[in-house]
Structures are given as C-alpha cells and as structure tokens.
Amino acid sequence: MLGDVAGIGQLKNSMEDMKKSLAHTNELLAEVLSELRQLNAERMATMVDELQAVNEKLEKVASQPVT
C-alpha cells in the first residue's frame, strides 16, 4: 500500500543516503577519537617526564643543608 504513495521511493532513498552519511560520520569520528587518544597519551607522558625532573630538582634542593 505504501509503495503506491507518490514520493515514497524518494523518501526511502533519502533515508538510505542519510544512514550512509551517518555511518561515514561515525567512521571519521572514530578516527579522530583515536588520534586524540594517541595525542593525549603522548602529552601525558611528556608531562610525567617534566614533573619527574622537577621533583628530582626539588629533592636535591631539599636535601642540601641549610646554611
């Protein structure tokens, strides 16, 4: 019955196009998320290294006798 309604074929095609576009968008978002996770991990590793270096300097200063 619905197949007889004018324009239903075009609506079905539009829905399929929309599903394909959403699937493609999801794929792109997954790639972006992956890149952001990698970048975040790299930056966190850099921050850990920098904080460890600062901590070592502070320990050296703290271990020196007060004059």
N, C-alpha and C. Protein backbone atom coordinates (compact mmCIF):
# COMPACT_ATOMS: atom_id res chain seq x y z
N MET A 1 0.82 -1.20 0.00
CA MET A 1 0.00 0.00 0.00
C MET A 1 0.87 1.27 0.00
N LEU A 2 1.91 1.29 0.87
CA LEU A 2 2.75 2.48 0.94
C LEU A 2 3.53 2.71 -0.35
N GLY A 3 3.81 1.64 -1.07
CA GLY A 3 4.52 1.78 -2.33
C GLY A 3 3.73 2.58 -3.36
N ASP A 4 2.44 2.66 -3.16
CA ASP A 4 1.59 3.40 -4.09
C ASP A 4 1.60 4.91 -3.81
N VAL A 5 2.06 5.30 -2.65
CA VAL A 5 2.05 6.72 -2.30
C VAL A 5 3.15 7.42 -3.09
N ALA A 6 2.80 8.51 -3.71
CA ALA A 6 3.77 9.26 -4.53
C ALA A 6 4.89 9.79 -3.65
N GLY A 7 6.11 9.58 -4.10
CA GLY A 7 7.27 10.13 -3.41
C GLY A 7 7.86 9.22 -2.35
N ILE A 8 7.24 8.06 -2.06
CA ILE A 8 7.77 7.19 -1.01
C ILE A 8 9.12 6.59 -1.40
N GLY A 9 9.30 6.34 -2.69
CA GLY A 9 10.59 5.82 -3.16
C GLY A 9 11.71 6.80 -2.91
N GLN A 10 11.44 8.07 -3.18
CA GLN A 10 12.44 9.11 -2.94
C GLN A 10 12.74 9.23 -1.45
N LEU A 11 11.73 9.11 -0.63
CA LEU A 11 11.92 9.17 0.83
C LEU A 11 12.78 8.02 1.31
N LYS A 12 12.53 6.82 0.78
CA LYS A 12 13.34 5.66 1.14
C LYS A 12 14.80 5.88 0.75
N ASN A 13 15.01 6.43 -0.45
CA ASN A 13 16.37 6.70 -0.91
C ASN A 13 17.05 7.73 -0.03
N SER A 14 16.29 8.73 0.38
CA SER A 14 16.85 9.77 1.26
C SER A 14 17.25 9.17 2.60
N MET A 15 16.45 8.27 3.11
CA MET A 15 16.76 7.62 4.38
C MET A 15 18.03 6.78 4.26
N GLU A 16 18.18 6.07 3.16
CA GLU A 16 19.38 5.26 2.93
C GLU A 16 20.62 6.15 2.82
N ASP A 17 20.48 7.26 2.11
CA ASP A 17 21.59 8.21 1.98
C ASP A 17 21.97 8.76 3.35
N MET A 18 20.96 9.05 4.17
CA MET A 18 21.21 9.59 5.50
C MET A 18 21.93 8.55 6.37
N LYS A 19 21.52 7.30 6.27
CA LYS A 19 22.18 6.23 7.03
C LYS A 19 23.63 6.09 6.61
N LYS A 20 23.88 6.15 5.30
CA LYS A 20 25.26 6.05 4.80
C LYS A 20 26.09 7.23 5.30
N SER A 21 25.51 8.41 5.28
CA SER A 21 26.23 9.60 5.75
C SER A 21 26.54 9.50 7.23
N LEU A 22 25.59 9.02 8.01
CA LEU A 22 25.82 8.86 9.44
C LEU A 22 26.89 7.81 9.73
N ALA A 23 26.87 6.72 8.96
CA ALA A 23 27.89 5.69 9.13
C ALA A 23 29.27 6.25 8.80
N HIS A 24 29.36 7.04 7.75
CA HIS A 24 30.64 7.65 7.37
C HIS A 24 31.10 8.64 8.44
N THR A 25 30.16 9.42 8.95
CA THR A 25 30.49 10.37 10.02
C THR A 25 31.01 9.62 11.24
N ASN A 26 30.39 8.53 11.59
CA ASN A 26 30.84 7.73 12.74
C ASN A 26 32.24 7.19 12.52
N GLU A 27 32.54 6.77 11.30
CA GLU A 27 33.89 6.29 10.98
C GLU A 27 34.92 7.40 11.17
N LEU A 28 34.58 8.59 10.67
CA LEU A 28 35.50 9.72 10.81
C LEU A 28 35.68 10.10 12.27
N LEU A 29 34.60 10.09 13.03
CA LEU A 29 34.70 10.42 14.45
C LEU A 29 35.55 9.39 15.20
N ALA A 30 35.45 8.14 14.82
CA ALA A 30 36.28 7.10 15.45
C ALA A 30 37.76 7.35 15.16
N GLU A 31 38.07 7.78 13.95
CA GLU A 31 39.46 8.10 13.61
C GLU A 31 39.96 9.29 14.41
N VAL A 32 39.13 10.31 14.54
CA VAL A 32 39.51 11.50 15.31
C VAL A 32 39.72 11.13 16.78
N LEU A 33 38.84 10.31 17.31
CA LEU A 33 38.97 9.89 18.71
C LEU A 33 40.27 9.12 18.92
N SER A 34 40.60 8.27 17.99
CA SER A 34 41.85 7.52 18.08
C SER A 34 43.06 8.44 18.09
N GLU A 35 43.05 9.43 17.20
CA GLU A 35 44.16 10.39 17.15
C GLU A 35 44.24 11.21 18.43
N LEU A 36 43.09 11.61 18.96
CA LEU A 36 43.09 12.38 20.20
C LEU A 36 43.61 11.56 21.38
N ARG A 37 43.26 10.29 21.42
CA ARG A 37 43.76 9.42 22.49
C ARG A 37 45.28 9.28 22.40
N GLN A 38 45.78 9.12 21.19
CA GLN A 38 47.23 9.00 21.00
C GLN A 38 47.92 10.28 21.42
N LEU A 39 47.41 11.42 20.97
CA LEU A 39 48.00 12.70 21.32
C LEU A 39 47.96 12.93 22.82
N ASN A 40 46.85 12.58 23.44
CA ASN A 40 46.71 12.73 24.88
C ASN A 40 47.74 11.88 25.61
N ALA A 41 47.93 10.65 25.16
CA ALA A 41 48.91 9.76 25.79
C ALA A 41 50.33 10.33 25.67
N GLU A 42 50.63 10.87 24.50
CA GLU A 42 51.96 11.45 24.29
C GLU A 42 52.17 12.67 25.19
N ARG A 43 51.18 13.52 25.28
CA ARG A 43 51.30 14.71 26.13
C ARG A 43 51.39 14.35 27.59
N MET A 44 50.63 13.33 28.00
CA MET A 44 50.69 12.90 29.39
C MET A 44 52.08 12.35 29.73
N ALA A 45 52.66 11.60 28.79
CA ALA A 45 54.00 11.06 29.00
C ALA A 45 55.01 12.19 29.13
N THR A 46 54.86 13.21 28.32
CA THR A 46 55.76 14.38 28.40
C THR A 46 55.61 15.07 29.75
N MET A 47 54.36 15.23 30.20
CA MET A 47 54.13 15.88 31.49
C MET A 47 54.73 15.08 32.63
N VAL A 48 54.61 13.76 32.57
CA VAL A 48 55.18 12.90 33.61
C VAL A 48 56.69 13.09 33.65
N ASP A 49 57.32 13.10 32.49
CA ASP A 49 58.78 13.30 32.44
C ASP A 49 59.16 14.66 33.04
N GLU A 50 58.43 15.69 32.68
CA GLU A 50 58.74 17.03 33.19
C GLU A 50 58.52 17.11 34.70
N LEU A 51 57.45 16.52 35.18
CA LEU A 51 57.18 16.54 36.62
C LEU A 51 58.22 15.74 37.40
N GLN A 52 58.68 14.64 36.84
CA GLN A 52 59.73 13.86 37.49
C GLN A 52 61.03 14.67 37.56
N ALA A 53 61.34 15.40 36.51
CA ALA A 53 62.54 16.24 36.51
C ALA A 53 62.43 17.33 37.57
N VAL A 54 61.28 17.95 37.67
CA VAL A 54 61.06 18.99 38.69
C VAL A 54 61.18 18.38 40.08
N ASN A 55 60.59 17.21 40.26
CA ASN A 55 60.65 16.53 41.55
C ASN A 55 62.09 16.22 41.95
N GLU A 56 62.89 15.76 41.02
CA GLU A 56 64.30 15.48 41.30
C GLU A 56 65.04 16.75 41.72
N LYS A 57 64.77 17.85 41.05
CA LYS A 57 65.41 19.12 41.42
C LYS A 57 64.99 19.54 42.82
N LEU A 58 63.73 19.39 43.12
CA LEU A 58 63.25 19.76 44.45
C LEU A 58 63.85 18.88 45.54
N GLU A 59 64.00 17.59 45.24
CA GLU A 59 64.63 16.69 46.21
C GLU A 59 66.07 17.08 46.47
N LYS A 60 66.79 17.49 45.42
CA LYS A 60 68.17 17.93 45.60
C LYS A 60 68.23 19.18 46.47
N VAL A 61 67.35 20.12 46.19
CA VAL A 61 67.33 21.35 46.97
C VAL A 61 66.97 21.05 48.43
N ALA A 62 66.02 20.18 48.63
CA ALA A 62 65.55 19.85 49.98
C ALA A 62 66.62 19.09 50.78
N SER A 63 67.47 18.35 50.09
CA SER A 63 68.49 17.56 50.79
C SER A 63 69.73 18.37 51.13
N GLN A 64 69.85 19.57 50.59
CA GLN A 64 71.01 20.40 50.91
C GLN A 64 70.86 20.97 52.33
N PRO A 65 71.99 21.04 53.04
CA PRO A 65 71.94 21.59 54.41
C PRO A 65 71.61 23.08 54.37
N VAL A 66 70.89 23.49 55.38
CA VAL A 66 70.53 24.91 55.50
C VAL A 66 71.71 25.64 56.10
N THR A 67 72.10 26.73 55.46
CA THR A 67 73.25 27.50 55.97
C THR A 67 72.82 28.84 56.45
